Amino acid sequence: MRYAKVTRNQFEFKDDAIVHKPTRAEFTPVVGTKDSVIIWTGDIGSTLPTGELYCYAEVLAMMKTLRLEWRCAA
């Protein structure tokens, strides 16, 4: 199985969520908590036309990194 590369430019900040645009997965912090989030996995498990998949763990890791950066910038 081949995995598609997860990159920063695949993500956008939308309202209070971080969205992985290719899969529409969302990572939404829970207000009033330090590390709690709601995760909607979108189409992470769907096969791309190239035959690749996005690795859930890699998408989640990038979302967590962006979340920490976002929180530190606030």
Protein backbone atom coordinates (compact mmCIF):
# COMPACT_ATOMS: atom_id res chain seq x y z
CA MET A 1 0.00 0.00 0.00
CA ARG A 2 1.30 3.46 -0.91
CA TYR A 3 0.55 6.55 1.11
CA ALA A 4 0.14 10.07 -0.22
CA LYS A 5 2.39 12.69 1.33
CA VAL A 6 0.77 14.93 3.95
CA THR A 7 1.90 18.56 3.71
CA ARG A 8 1.07 21.81 5.49
CA ASN A 9 -0.40 23.41 2.40
CA GLN A 10 -3.14 20.74 2.37
CA PHE A 11 -4.66 22.27 5.52
CA GLU A 12 -6.77 25.32 6.11
CA PHE A 13 -8.16 27.02 9.18
CA LYS A 14 -11.94 27.21 8.98
CA ASP A 15 -13.79 28.88 11.85
CA ASP A 16 -12.49 26.95 14.89
CA ALA A 17 -11.35 23.87 12.96
CA ILE A 18 -8.28 22.76 11.06
CA VAL A 19 -9.35 21.02 7.84
CA HIS A 20 -7.33 18.62 5.67
CA LYS A 21 -8.62 19.78 2.29
CA PRO A 22 -8.00 16.58 0.26
CA THR A 23 -9.98 14.40 2.69
CA ARG A 24 -12.19 16.99 4.40
CA ALA A 25 -11.03 15.62 7.77
CA GLU A 26 -11.58 18.15 10.58
CA PHE A 27 -9.79 18.69 13.86
CA THR A 28 -11.84 20.93 16.17
CA PRO A 29 -10.53 21.96 19.61
CA VAL A 30 -13.01 21.70 22.49
CA VAL A 31 -13.35 25.16 24.03
CA GLY A 32 -12.33 25.33 27.67
CA THR A 33 -10.01 22.31 27.55
CA LYS A 34 -6.27 22.09 27.04
CA ASP A 35 -5.95 19.17 24.63
CA SER A 36 -9.44 17.81 23.91
CA VAL A 37 -10.53 17.77 20.29
CA ILE A 38 -13.33 16.46 18.14
CA ILE A 39 -12.07 14.64 15.06
CA TRP A 40 -14.10 13.94 11.94
CA THR A 41 -12.01 11.69 9.72
CA GLY A 42 -13.67 12.63 6.44
CA ASP A 43 -12.38 10.51 3.56
CA ILE A 44 -8.96 9.61 4.99
CA GLY A 45 -9.50 5.91 4.25
CA SER A 46 -10.61 6.44 0.65
CA THR A 47 -8.30 5.43 -2.17
CA LEU A 48 -7.14 8.30 -4.36
CA PRO A 49 -7.20 8.07 -8.18
CA THR A 50 -3.43 7.43 -7.96
CA GLY A 51 -4.08 4.30 -5.88
CA GLU A 52 -2.62 5.96 -2.78
CA LEU A 53 -4.25 6.62 0.59
CA TYR A 54 -3.63 9.26 3.21
CA CYS A 55 -2.25 7.72 6.37
CA TYR A 56 -4.55 8.62 9.27
CA ALA A 57 -1.64 8.88 11.72
CA GLU A 58 0.23 11.32 9.44
CA VAL A 59 -2.84 13.52 8.90
CA LEU A 60 -3.51 13.52 12.66
CA ALA A 61 0.14 14.32 13.47
CA MET A 62 0.13 17.34 11.13
CA MET A 63 -3.20 18.52 12.55
CA LYS A 64 -1.74 18.32 16.08
CA THR A 65 1.33 20.29 14.99
CA LEU A 66 -0.81 22.99 13.41
CA ARG A 67 -3.06 23.05 16.49
CA LEU A 68 -0.08 23.66 18.78
CA GLU A 69 1.22 26.43 16.50
CA TRP A 70 -2.26 27.97 16.31
CA ARG A 71 -2.68 27.84 20.09
CA CYS A 72 0.78 29.34 20.72
CA ALA A 73 0.10 32.18 18.26
CA ALA A 74 -3.15 33.12 20.03
